[in-house]
């Protein structure tokens, strides 16, 4: 069984889809979520972890002198739980070189657009969907990619498309994309863990 560590800042609906895939879906007997780490004490994802008897850790960025020290604290937790794969699930912090080097090609993220379009610094959440609508795109979707030292830049693992309809708003588009994210992320994890 491969051990997954999830870094999250908010609600963690993608975390929930990974947990379910490990319990009874396509990741059953392949992987388990062994720790959930958040930079926010009020992140609902920590409650999701507790409900599923998964260790949850709050790492407070404000209790460290530098961002690197904060990143080192996260790295220590991941190493303590002997994590094989790190999954970002709405983790609203930059991943530093110490983490990238310790988990070379073992940190992945899901982004709510068809990268390389609509990625980069500041492109998250509703900002992505608003930009897609404003650009009059005919399709959007989700991308799972490896994490490197630039925002939304690493090699693509898997993508899925959704149509952007004339009457779509950023909210309706977000709902469509999130729905396919929940299916795509566990599939991408399976690809990685089976070395495909």
N, C-alpha and C. Protein backbone atom coordinates (compact mmCIF):
# COMPACT_ATOMS: atom_id res chain seq x y z
N UNK A 1 0.84 -1.20 0.00
CA UNK A 1 0.00 0.00 0.00
C UNK A 1 0.87 1.25 0.00
N UNK A 2 0.59 2.13 -0.93
CA UNK A 2 1.32 3.40 -1.00
C UNK A 2 0.63 4.41 -0.08
N UNK A 3 1.45 5.25 0.53
CA UNK A 3 0.93 6.24 1.48
C UNK A 3 0.85 7.62 0.82
N UNK A 4 -0.34 8.21 0.90
CA UNK A 4 -0.59 9.54 0.33
C UNK A 4 -0.68 10.57 1.45
N UNK A 5 0.03 11.67 1.28
CA UNK A 5 -0.12 12.82 2.16
C UNK A 5 -0.79 13.93 1.38
N UNK A 6 -1.80 14.54 1.96
CA UNK A 6 -2.55 15.59 1.26
C UNK A 6 -2.33 16.92 1.95
N UNK A 7 -1.96 17.93 1.14
CA UNK A 7 -1.81 19.30 1.63
C UNK A 7 -3.01 20.09 1.16
N UNK A 8 -3.65 20.80 2.10
CA UNK A 8 -4.92 21.44 1.78
C UNK A 8 -5.10 22.71 2.60
N UNK A 9 -5.81 23.68 2.03
CA UNK A 9 -6.06 24.94 2.74
C UNK A 9 -7.53 25.20 3.01
N UNK A 10 -8.41 24.46 2.36
CA UNK A 10 -9.83 24.78 2.48
C UNK A 10 -10.70 23.57 2.78
N UNK A 11 -11.80 23.46 2.01
CA UNK A 11 -12.81 22.44 2.28
C UNK A 11 -12.38 21.01 2.01
N UNK A 12 -11.58 20.84 0.98
CA UNK A 12 -11.04 19.51 0.72
C UNK A 12 -12.00 18.54 0.06
N UNK A 13 -12.81 19.02 -0.90
CA UNK A 13 -13.71 18.09 -1.58
C UNK A 13 -12.92 17.09 -2.43
N UNK A 14 -11.78 17.51 -2.98
CA UNK A 14 -10.94 16.56 -3.72
C UNK A 14 -10.28 15.57 -2.75
N UNK A 15 -9.96 16.03 -1.55
CA UNK A 15 -9.48 15.12 -0.51
C UNK A 15 -10.50 14.02 -0.27
N UNK A 16 -11.76 14.40 -0.17
CA UNK A 16 -12.83 13.44 0.07
C UNK A 16 -12.89 12.41 -1.06
N UNK A 17 -12.74 12.86 -2.29
CA UNK A 17 -12.79 11.92 -3.42
C UNK A 17 -11.60 10.96 -3.39
N UNK A 18 -10.45 11.43 -2.93
CA UNK A 18 -9.27 10.55 -2.81
C UNK A 18 -9.50 9.53 -1.70
N UNK A 19 -10.02 9.99 -0.57
CA UNK A 19 -10.30 9.08 0.55
C UNK A 19 -11.28 8.00 0.11
N UNK A 20 -12.35 8.39 -0.56
CA UNK A 20 -13.36 7.42 -1.02
C UNK A 20 -12.76 6.44 -2.03
N UNK A 21 -11.91 6.94 -2.91
CA UNK A 21 -11.26 6.05 -3.90
C UNK A 21 -10.35 5.04 -3.21
N UNK A 22 -9.72 5.45 -2.11
CA UNK A 22 -8.86 4.54 -1.35
C UNK A 22 -9.67 3.50 -0.57
N UNK A 23 -10.83 3.93 -0.08
CA UNK A 23 -11.67 3.02 0.72
C UNK A 23 -12.42 2.00 -0.13
N UNK A 24 -13.01 2.47 -1.23
CA UNK A 24 -13.87 1.56 -1.99
C UNK A 24 -13.84 1.78 -3.50
N UNK A 25 -12.95 2.63 -3.97
CA UNK A 25 -12.90 2.93 -5.40
C UNK A 25 -11.65 2.39 -6.07
N UNK A 26 -11.17 3.13 -7.07
CA UNK A 26 -10.08 2.62 -7.90
C UNK A 26 -8.72 2.58 -7.19
N UNK A 27 -8.61 3.18 -6.01
CA UNK A 27 -7.35 3.13 -5.27
C UNK A 27 -7.38 2.10 -4.13
N UNK A 28 -8.49 1.38 -4.01
CA UNK A 28 -8.61 0.36 -2.96
C UNK A 28 -7.51 -0.69 -3.15
N UNK A 29 -6.86 -1.04 -2.06
CA UNK A 29 -5.76 -2.01 -2.04
C UNK A 29 -4.50 -1.51 -2.75
N UNK A 30 -4.52 -0.24 -3.17
CA UNK A 30 -3.34 0.36 -3.81
C UNK A 30 -2.73 1.43 -2.90
N UNK A 31 -3.62 2.26 -2.31
CA UNK A 31 -3.14 3.42 -1.55
C UNK A 31 -4.06 3.74 -0.39
N UNK A 32 -3.53 4.54 0.53
CA UNK A 32 -4.33 5.09 1.63
C UNK A 32 -3.82 6.48 1.95
N UNK A 33 -4.72 7.33 2.41
CA UNK A 33 -4.33 8.66 2.86
C UNK A 33 -3.86 8.50 4.30
N UNK A 34 -2.57 8.79 4.53
CA UNK A 34 -2.00 8.55 5.86
C UNK A 34 -1.90 9.83 6.69
N UNK A 35 -1.99 11.01 6.04
CA UNK A 35 -1.95 12.27 6.80
C UNK A 35 -2.53 13.39 5.93
N UNK A 36 -3.22 14.31 6.60
CA UNK A 36 -3.73 15.53 5.95
C UNK A 36 -3.11 16.71 6.69
N UNK A 37 -2.46 17.58 5.93
CA UNK A 37 -1.76 18.73 6.51
C UNK A 37 -2.36 20.02 5.95
N UNK A 38 -2.66 20.96 6.84
CA UNK A 38 -3.21 22.23 6.41
C UNK A 38 -2.47 23.40 7.04
N UNK A 39 -2.43 24.50 6.31
CA UNK A 39 -1.87 25.74 6.83
C UNK A 39 -2.93 26.58 7.52
N UNK A 40 -4.17 26.06 7.57
CA UNK A 40 -5.26 26.79 8.22
C UNK A 40 -5.94 25.88 9.24
N UNK A 41 -6.06 26.39 10.45
CA UNK A 41 -6.67 25.59 11.53
C UNK A 41 -8.16 25.39 11.30
N UNK A 42 -8.79 26.30 10.55
CA UNK A 42 -10.24 26.21 10.32
C UNK A 42 -10.60 25.52 9.01
N UNK A 43 -9.62 24.92 8.34
CA UNK A 43 -9.88 24.23 7.08
C UNK A 43 -10.81 23.04 7.33
N UNK A 44 -11.91 22.99 6.61
CA UNK A 44 -12.87 21.90 6.79
C UNK A 44 -12.25 20.55 6.42
N UNK A 45 -11.22 20.58 5.61
CA UNK A 45 -10.51 19.34 5.24
C UNK A 45 -9.99 18.61 6.47
N UNK A 46 -9.60 19.35 7.51
CA UNK A 46 -9.12 18.71 8.74
C UNK A 46 -10.25 17.92 9.41
N UNK A 47 -11.48 18.45 9.32
CA UNK A 47 -12.64 17.72 9.85
C UNK A 47 -12.92 16.47 9.02
N UNK A 48 -12.77 16.60 7.71
CA UNK A 48 -12.95 15.42 6.84
C UNK A 48 -11.97 14.32 7.23
N UNK A 49 -10.73 14.71 7.49
CA UNK A 49 -9.71 13.74 7.90
C UNK A 49 -10.11 13.06 9.20
N UNK A 50 -10.51 13.85 10.19
CA UNK A 50 -10.89 13.29 11.50
C UNK A 50 -12.05 12.32 11.38
N UNK A 51 -13.06 12.68 10.54
CA UNK A 51 -14.21 11.80 10.35
C UNK A 51 -13.81 10.45 9.76
N UNK A 52 -12.70 10.45 9.04
CA UNK A 52 -12.22 9.22 8.41
C UNK A 52 -11.04 8.60 9.16
N UNK A 53 -10.84 9.05 10.40
CA UNK A 53 -9.76 8.53 11.26
C UNK A 53 -8.38 8.65 10.62
N UNK A 54 -8.16 9.75 9.93
CA UNK A 54 -6.87 10.02 9.31
C UNK A 54 -6.18 11.12 10.13
N UNK A 55 -4.92 10.93 10.49
CA UNK A 55 -4.22 11.97 11.23
C UNK A 55 -4.25 13.31 10.48
N UNK A 56 -4.54 14.38 11.21
CA UNK A 56 -4.59 15.71 10.61
C UNK A 56 -3.66 16.64 11.38
N UNK A 57 -2.95 17.47 10.62
CA UNK A 57 -1.93 18.33 11.21
C UNK A 57 -2.12 19.76 10.72
N UNK A 58 -2.16 20.70 11.66
CA UNK A 58 -2.19 22.11 11.33
C UNK A 58 -0.78 22.66 11.52
N UNK A 59 -0.22 23.23 10.45
CA UNK A 59 1.10 23.86 10.52
C UNK A 59 0.89 25.36 10.32
N UNK A 60 1.11 26.11 11.38
CA UNK A 60 0.85 27.55 11.39
C UNK A 60 2.03 28.33 10.82
N UNK A 61 1.84 28.90 9.65
CA UNK A 61 2.90 29.67 9.00
C UNK A 61 3.38 30.82 9.88
N UNK A 62 2.46 31.39 10.66
CA UNK A 62 2.79 32.56 11.49
C UNK A 62 3.69 32.23 12.67
N UNK A 63 3.86 30.96 12.96
CA UNK A 63 4.72 30.60 14.09
C UNK A 63 6.17 30.37 13.68
N UNK A 64 6.48 30.65 12.43
CA UNK A 64 7.85 30.49 11.94
C UNK A 64 8.41 31.83 11.48
N UNK A 65 9.71 31.98 11.62
CA UNK A 65 10.37 33.23 11.24
C UNK A 65 10.42 33.41 9.72
N UNK A 66 10.60 32.30 9.00
CA UNK A 66 10.72 32.38 7.55
C UNK A 66 9.77 31.37 6.89
N UNK A 67 9.51 31.61 5.62
CA UNK A 67 8.66 30.68 4.86
C UNK A 67 9.36 29.32 4.71
N UNK A 68 10.68 29.33 4.60
CA UNK A 68 11.43 28.08 4.47
C UNK A 68 11.28 27.23 5.72
N UNK A 69 11.27 27.86 6.90
CA UNK A 69 11.07 27.11 8.14
C UNK A 69 9.68 26.47 8.17
N UNK A 70 8.69 27.21 7.70
CA UNK A 70 7.32 26.69 7.58
C UNK A 70 7.30 25.47 6.65
N UNK A 71 7.97 25.61 5.52
CA UNK A 71 8.04 24.52 4.54
C UNK A 71 8.78 23.31 5.12
N UNK A 72 9.83 23.57 5.88
CA UNK A 72 10.58 22.49 6.53
C UNK A 72 9.69 21.72 7.52
N UNK A 73 8.82 22.45 8.21
CA UNK A 73 7.91 21.81 9.17
C UNK A 73 6.94 20.87 8.46
N UNK A 74 6.46 21.29 7.30
CA UNK A 74 5.59 20.42 6.50
C UNK A 74 6.36 19.20 6.02
N UNK A 75 7.57 19.42 5.57
CA UNK A 75 8.41 18.31 5.11
C UNK A 75 8.64 17.29 6.22
N UNK A 76 8.90 17.78 7.43
CA UNK A 76 9.11 16.86 8.57
C UNK A 76 7.89 15.97 8.80
N UNK A 77 6.70 16.57 8.70
CA UNK A 77 5.47 15.79 8.88
C UNK A 77 5.33 14.72 7.79
N UNK A 78 5.58 15.10 6.55
CA UNK A 78 5.47 14.15 5.45
C UNK A 78 6.46 13.00 5.61
N UNK A 79 7.66 13.32 6.06
CA UNK A 79 8.67 12.27 6.27
C UNK A 79 8.32 11.39 7.45
N UNK A 80 7.77 12.00 8.50
CA UNK A 80 7.39 11.24 9.69
C UNK A 80 6.33 10.19 9.35
N UNK A 81 5.42 10.55 8.46
CA UNK A 81 4.35 9.61 8.08
C UNK A 81 4.75 8.71 6.89
N UNK A 82 6.02 8.83 6.48
CA UNK A 82 6.56 7.99 5.40
C UNK A 82 5.71 8.03 4.13
N UNK A 83 5.39 9.25 3.74
CA UNK A 83 4.54 9.49 2.57
C UNK A 83 5.27 9.11 1.28
N UNK A 84 4.56 8.43 0.38
CA UNK A 84 5.10 8.08 -0.93
C UNK A 84 4.73 9.10 -1.99
N UNK A 85 3.53 9.69 -1.87
CA UNK A 85 3.02 10.64 -2.86
C UNK A 85 2.34 11.79 -2.13
N UNK A 86 2.66 13.01 -2.54
CA UNK A 86 2.04 14.21 -1.95
C UNK A 86 1.03 14.76 -2.95
N UNK A 87 -0.20 14.93 -2.50
CA UNK A 87 -1.27 15.48 -3.35
C UNK A 87 -1.71 16.83 -2.80
N UNK A 88 -1.68 17.85 -3.64
CA UNK A 88 -2.19 19.15 -3.25
C UNK A 88 -3.67 19.19 -3.58
N UNK A 89 -4.46 19.66 -2.62
CA UNK A 89 -5.90 19.74 -2.80
C UNK A 89 -6.35 21.12 -2.35
N UNK A 90 -6.18 22.10 -3.25
CA UNK A 90 -6.51 23.48 -2.87
C UNK A 90 -5.55 24.01 -1.83
N UNK A 91 -4.28 23.66 -1.94
CA UNK A 91 -3.25 24.15 -1.02
C UNK A 91 -2.78 25.50 -1.51
N UNK A 92 -3.12 26.54 -0.76
CA UNK A 92 -2.90 27.92 -1.22
C UNK A 92 -1.56 28.49 -0.75
N UNK A 93 -0.52 27.68 -0.86
CA UNK A 93 0.83 28.11 -0.51
C UNK A 93 1.77 27.61 -1.59
N UNK A 94 2.83 28.36 -1.85
CA UNK A 94 3.82 27.92 -2.84
C UNK A 94 4.61 26.74 -2.27
N UNK A 95 4.84 25.76 -3.10
CA UNK A 95 5.63 24.60 -2.68
C UNK A 95 7.11 24.94 -2.90
N UNK A 96 7.88 24.89 -1.82
CA UNK A 96 9.28 25.29 -1.86
C UNK A 96 10.18 24.17 -2.39
N UNK A 97 11.40 24.55 -2.74
CA UNK A 97 12.37 23.61 -3.32
C UNK A 97 12.68 22.45 -2.39
N UNK A 98 12.66 22.69 -1.07
CA UNK A 98 12.98 21.58 -0.15
C UNK A 98 11.99 20.43 -0.29
N UNK A 99 10.70 20.76 -0.48
CA UNK A 99 9.68 19.73 -0.67
C UNK A 99 9.82 19.09 -2.05
N UNK A 100 10.03 19.92 -3.06
CA UNK A 100 10.15 19.41 -4.43
C UNK A 100 11.34 18.45 -4.54
N UNK A 101 12.45 18.81 -3.91
CA UNK A 101 13.65 17.96 -3.97
C UNK A 101 13.47 16.67 -3.18
N UNK A 102 12.78 16.75 -2.06
CA UNK A 102 12.58 15.55 -1.22
C UNK A 102 11.60 14.57 -1.87
N UNK A 103 10.67 15.10 -2.65
CA UNK A 103 9.65 14.27 -3.30
C UNK A 103 9.69 14.50 -4.82
N UNK A 104 10.83 14.23 -5.40
CA UNK A 104 11.03 14.44 -6.84
C UNK A 104 10.02 13.63 -7.64
N UNK A 105 9.24 14.31 -8.46
CA UNK A 105 8.18 13.67 -9.26
C UNK A 105 7.18 12.89 -8.41
N UNK A 106 7.02 13.32 -7.17
CA UNK A 106 6.07 12.67 -6.25
C UNK A 106 5.15 13.68 -5.59
N UNK A 107 5.06 14.88 -6.17
CA UNK A 107 4.11 15.90 -5.70
C UNK A 107 3.24 16.27 -6.90
N UNK A 108 1.92 16.13 -6.72
CA UNK A 108 1.01 16.45 -7.81
C UNK A 108 -0.07 17.42 -7.33
N UNK A 109 -0.66 18.09 -8.30
CA UNK A 109 -1.69 19.09 -8.00
C UNK A 109 -2.81 18.96 -9.02
N UNK A 110 -3.99 19.40 -8.64
CA UNK A 110 -5.09 19.50 -9.59
C UNK A 110 -5.46 20.96 -9.76
N UNK A 111 -5.63 21.37 -11.02
CA UNK A 111 -5.90 22.77 -11.34
C UNK A 111 -7.20 22.84 -12.15
N UNK A 112 -8.07 23.81 -11.84
CA UNK A 112 -9.39 23.86 -12.49
C UNK A 112 -9.43 24.54 -13.86
N UNK A 113 -8.50 24.15 -14.73
CA UNK A 113 -8.46 24.65 -16.10
C UNK A 113 -7.63 23.70 -16.94
N UNK A 114 -7.65 23.92 -18.23
CA UNK A 114 -6.86 23.10 -19.14
C UNK A 114 -5.48 23.74 -19.32
N UNK A 115 -4.58 23.41 -18.43
CA UNK A 115 -3.22 23.96 -18.52
C UNK A 115 -2.61 23.57 -19.86
N UNK A 116 -1.76 24.43 -20.43
CA UNK A 116 -1.13 25.60 -19.83
C UNK A 116 -2.00 26.87 -19.82
N UNK A 117 -3.20 26.82 -20.38
CA UNK A 117 -4.07 28.01 -20.32
C UNK A 117 -4.56 28.23 -18.89
N UNK A 118 -4.68 29.48 -18.51
CA UNK A 118 -5.31 29.91 -17.26
C UNK A 118 -4.63 29.31 -16.01
N UNK A 119 -3.30 29.29 -16.07
CA UNK A 119 -2.52 28.87 -14.91
C UNK A 119 -1.60 30.00 -14.48
N UNK A 120 -0.86 29.77 -13.43
CA UNK A 120 0.13 30.74 -12.95
C UNK A 120 -0.33 31.46 -11.70
N UNK A 121 0.51 32.34 -11.22
CA UNK A 121 0.25 33.06 -9.97
C UNK A 121 -1.06 33.84 -10.07
N UNK A 122 -1.88 33.71 -9.06
CA UNK A 122 -3.16 34.42 -9.01
C UNK A 122 -4.29 33.69 -9.71
N UNK A 123 -3.97 32.62 -10.41
CA UNK A 123 -5.00 31.86 -11.13
C UNK A 123 -5.44 30.67 -10.26
N UNK A 124 -6.43 30.93 -9.43
CA UNK A 124 -7.00 29.88 -8.60
C UNK A 124 -8.47 30.19 -8.38
N UNK A 125 -9.22 29.14 -8.02
CA UNK A 125 -10.63 29.31 -7.68
C UNK A 125 -11.42 30.08 -8.73
N UNK A 126 -12.24 31.01 -8.25
CA UNK A 126 -13.14 31.75 -9.15
C UNK A 126 -12.39 32.61 -10.17
N UNK A 127 -11.15 32.99 -9.86
CA UNK A 127 -10.38 33.80 -10.80
C UNK A 127 -10.15 33.04 -12.12
N UNK A 128 -9.92 31.74 -12.00
CA UNK A 128 -9.71 30.91 -13.19
C UNK A 128 -10.98 30.90 -14.04
N UNK A 129 -12.11 30.60 -13.40
CA UNK A 129 -13.37 30.46 -14.14
C UNK A 129 -13.82 31.79 -14.74
N UNK A 130 -13.59 32.87 -14.01
CA UNK A 130 -13.92 34.20 -14.55
C UNK A 130 -13.09 34.50 -15.79
N UNK A 131 -11.81 34.13 -15.76
CA UNK A 131 -10.93 34.37 -16.90
C UNK A 131 -11.35 33.53 -18.10
N UNK A 132 -11.75 32.29 -17.85
CA UNK A 132 -12.20 31.42 -18.94
C UNK A 132 -13.45 32.01 -19.61
N UNK A 133 -14.41 32.43 -18.79
CA UNK A 133 -15.66 33.02 -19.31
C UNK A 133 -15.34 34.30 -20.09
N UNK A 134 -14.49 35.16 -19.52
CA UNK A 134 -14.15 36.44 -20.16
C UNK A 134 -13.45 36.23 -21.50
N UNK A 135 -12.72 35.13 -21.62
CA UNK A 135 -11.99 34.84 -22.86
C UNK A 135 -12.85 34.15 -23.90
N UNK A 136 -14.12 33.90 -23.53
CA UNK A 136 -15.07 33.25 -24.45
C UNK A 136 -14.57 31.90 -24.97
N UNK A 137 -13.97 31.14 -24.06
CA UNK A 137 -13.51 29.79 -24.41
C UNK A 137 -14.71 28.88 -24.63
N UNK A 138 -14.55 27.90 -25.49
CA UNK A 138 -15.63 26.94 -25.74
C UNK A 138 -15.51 25.71 -24.84
N UNK A 139 -14.34 25.58 -24.20
CA UNK A 139 -14.16 24.45 -23.28
C UNK A 139 -13.21 24.84 -22.15
N UNK A 140 -13.41 24.17 -21.04
CA UNK A 140 -12.50 24.29 -19.90
C UNK A 140 -12.33 22.88 -19.36
N UNK A 141 -11.95 22.75 -18.10
CA UNK A 141 -11.77 21.41 -17.56
C UNK A 141 -10.84 21.42 -16.38
N UNK A 142 -10.17 20.31 -16.17
CA UNK A 142 -9.25 20.16 -15.04
C UNK A 142 -7.98 19.46 -15.51
N UNK A 143 -6.88 19.79 -14.85
CA UNK A 143 -5.57 19.21 -15.18
C UNK A 143 -4.91 18.73 -13.89
N UNK A 144 -4.41 17.50 -13.90
CA UNK A 144 -3.55 17.02 -12.82
C UNK A 144 -2.13 17.06 -13.38
N UNK A 145 -1.23 17.67 -12.62
CA UNK A 145 0.14 17.85 -13.10
C UNK A 145 1.14 17.69 -11.97
N UNK A 146 2.38 17.40 -12.36
CA UNK A 146 3.46 17.37 -11.38
C UNK A 146 3.74 18.80 -10.93
N UNK A 147 4.18 18.94 -9.69
CA UNK A 147 4.50 20.25 -9.14
C UNK A 147 5.99 20.50 -9.29
N UNK A 148 6.32 21.66 -9.84
CA UNK A 148 7.72 22.08 -9.89
C UNK A 148 7.84 23.46 -9.22
N UNK A 149 8.90 24.19 -9.53
CA UNK A 149 9.14 25.45 -8.81
C UNK A 149 8.37 26.64 -9.37
N UNK A 150 7.47 26.39 -10.32
CA UNK A 150 6.63 27.47 -10.85
C UNK A 150 5.16 27.08 -10.69
N UNK A 151 4.31 28.08 -10.50
CA UNK A 151 2.88 27.80 -10.35
C UNK A 151 2.31 27.13 -11.60
N UNK A 152 1.61 26.02 -11.41
CA UNK A 152 0.84 25.36 -12.47
C UNK A 152 1.68 25.08 -13.72
N UNK A 153 2.91 24.65 -13.53
CA UNK A 153 3.85 24.55 -14.64
C UNK A 153 4.29 23.13 -14.96
N UNK A 154 4.31 22.25 -13.97
CA UNK A 154 4.87 20.90 -14.16
C UNK A 154 4.15 20.08 -15.21
N UNK A 155 4.79 19.00 -15.61
CA UNK A 155 4.28 18.13 -16.67
C UNK A 155 2.88 17.62 -16.36
N UNK A 156 2.03 17.63 -17.38
CA UNK A 156 0.65 17.17 -17.25
C UNK A 156 0.60 15.65 -17.13
N UNK A 157 -0.21 15.17 -16.19
CA UNK A 157 -0.44 13.74 -15.99
C UNK A 157 -1.75 13.33 -16.66
N UNK A 158 -2.79 14.13 -16.44
CA UNK A 158 -4.11 13.83 -17.00
C UNK A 158 -4.93 15.10 -17.09
N UNK A 159 -5.82 15.14 -18.09
CA UNK A 159 -6.74 16.27 -18.27
C UNK A 159 -8.12 15.74 -18.63
N UNK A 160 -9.12 16.54 -18.30
CA UNK A 160 -10.48 16.23 -18.72
C UNK A 160 -11.16 17.54 -19.09
N UNK A 161 -11.96 17.50 -20.14
CA UNK A 161 -12.61 18.71 -20.65
C UNK A 161 -14.08 18.76 -20.25
N UNK A 162 -14.58 19.99 -20.11
CA UNK A 162 -16.02 20.22 -19.99
C UNK A 162 -16.37 21.35 -20.96
N UNK A 163 -17.57 21.33 -21.53
CA UNK A 163 -17.95 22.42 -22.43
C UNK A 163 -18.27 23.69 -21.65
N UNK A 164 -17.93 24.83 -22.23
CA UNK A 164 -18.35 26.12 -21.67
C UNK A 164 -19.52 26.60 -22.52
N UNK A 165 -20.68 26.67 -21.91
CA UNK A 165 -21.88 27.04 -22.63
C UNK A 165 -22.08 28.56 -22.60
N UNK A 166 -22.87 29.05 -23.53
CA UNK A 166 -23.10 30.50 -23.65
C UNK A 166 -23.65 31.10 -22.36
N UNK A 167 -24.52 30.35 -21.68
CA UNK A 167 -25.15 30.88 -20.46
C UNK A 167 -24.38 30.52 -19.19
N UNK A 168 -23.20 29.94 -19.31
CA UNK A 168 -22.40 29.61 -18.12
C UNK A 168 -21.91 30.87 -17.42
N UNK A 169 -21.90 30.81 -16.11
CA UNK A 169 -21.28 31.84 -15.28
C UNK A 169 -20.05 31.21 -14.65
N UNK A 170 -19.25 32.00 -13.97
CA UNK A 170 -18.08 31.42 -13.30
C UNK A 170 -18.53 30.40 -12.26
N UNK A 171 -19.69 30.63 -11.65
CA UNK A 171 -20.20 29.69 -10.64
C UNK A 171 -20.63 28.37 -11.27
N UNK A 172 -21.39 28.42 -12.35
CA UNK A 172 -21.85 27.17 -12.98
C UNK A 172 -20.68 26.41 -13.59
N UNK A 173 -19.73 27.15 -14.12
CA UNK A 173 -18.54 26.49 -14.68
C UNK A 173 -17.73 25.83 -13.58
N UNK A 174 -17.58 26.52 -12.45
CA UNK A 174 -16.85 25.95 -11.31
C UNK A 174 -17.48 24.64 -10.86
N UNK A 175 -18.81 24.59 -10.82
CA UNK A 175 -19.50 23.38 -10.40
C UNK A 175 -19.23 22.22 -11.36
N UNK A 176 -19.26 22.52 -12.66
CA UNK A 176 -19.00 21.49 -13.67
C UNK A 176 -17.57 20.95 -13.57
N UNK A 177 -16.63 21.88 -13.41
CA UNK A 177 -15.22 21.49 -13.34
C UNK A 177 -14.95 20.68 -12.08
N UNK A 178 -15.49 21.13 -10.95
CA UNK A 178 -15.27 20.41 -9.70
C UNK A 178 -15.78 18.98 -9.76
N UNK A 179 -16.91 18.81 -10.41
CA UNK A 179 -17.48 17.46 -10.54
C UNK A 179 -16.53 16.52 -11.27
N UNK A 180 -15.91 17.00 -12.36
CA UNK A 180 -14.99 16.12 -13.09
C UNK A 180 -13.65 15.98 -12.38
N UNK A 181 -13.28 16.98 -11.57
CA UNK A 181 -12.04 16.88 -10.78
C UNK A 181 -12.11 15.67 -9.86
N UNK A 182 -13.28 15.46 -9.24
CA UNK A 182 -13.43 14.37 -8.28
C UNK A 182 -13.23 13.00 -8.90
N UNK A 183 -13.48 12.90 -10.20
CA UNK A 183 -13.26 11.66 -10.92
C UNK A 183 -11.82 11.56 -11.44
N UNK A 184 -11.31 12.69 -11.90
CA UNK A 184 -9.98 12.72 -12.53
C UNK A 184 -8.84 12.49 -11.54
N UNK A 185 -8.92 13.12 -10.37
CA UNK A 185 -7.77 13.09 -9.44
C UNK A 185 -7.42 11.66 -9.01
N UNK A 186 -8.38 10.85 -8.55
CA UNK A 186 -8.01 9.47 -8.19
C UNK A 186 -7.44 8.68 -9.37
N UNK A 187 -7.97 8.92 -10.57
CA UNK A 187 -7.45 8.22 -11.76
C UNK A 187 -5.99 8.59 -12.02
N UNK A 188 -5.68 9.87 -11.88
CA UNK A 188 -4.30 10.35 -12.08
C UNK A 188 -3.38 9.76 -11.02
N UNK A 189 -3.86 9.67 -9.78
CA UNK A 189 -3.06 9.08 -8.70
C UNK A 189 -2.74 7.63 -9.02
N UNK A 190 -3.74 6.91 -9.53
CA UNK A 190 -3.53 5.50 -9.90
C UNK A 190 -2.46 5.38 -10.98
N UNK A 191 -2.49 6.28 -11.97
CA UNK A 191 -1.49 6.27 -13.03
C UNK A 191 -0.08 6.42 -12.43
N UNK A 192 0.06 7.37 -11.51
CA UNK A 192 1.36 7.64 -10.89
C UNK A 192 1.82 6.44 -10.07
N UNK A 193 0.94 5.92 -9.22
CA UNK A 193 1.33 4.84 -8.31
C UNK A 193 1.60 3.53 -9.04
N UNK A 194 1.04 3.38 -10.21
CA UNK A 194 1.31 2.17 -11.00
C UNK A 194 2.41 2.42 -12.04
N UNK A 195 3.09 3.57 -11.90
CA UNK A 195 4.22 3.93 -12.78
C UNK A 195 3.85 3.89 -14.26
N UNK A 196 2.70 4.39 -14.58
CA UNK A 196 2.28 4.44 -15.97
C UNK A 196 2.45 5.83 -16.57
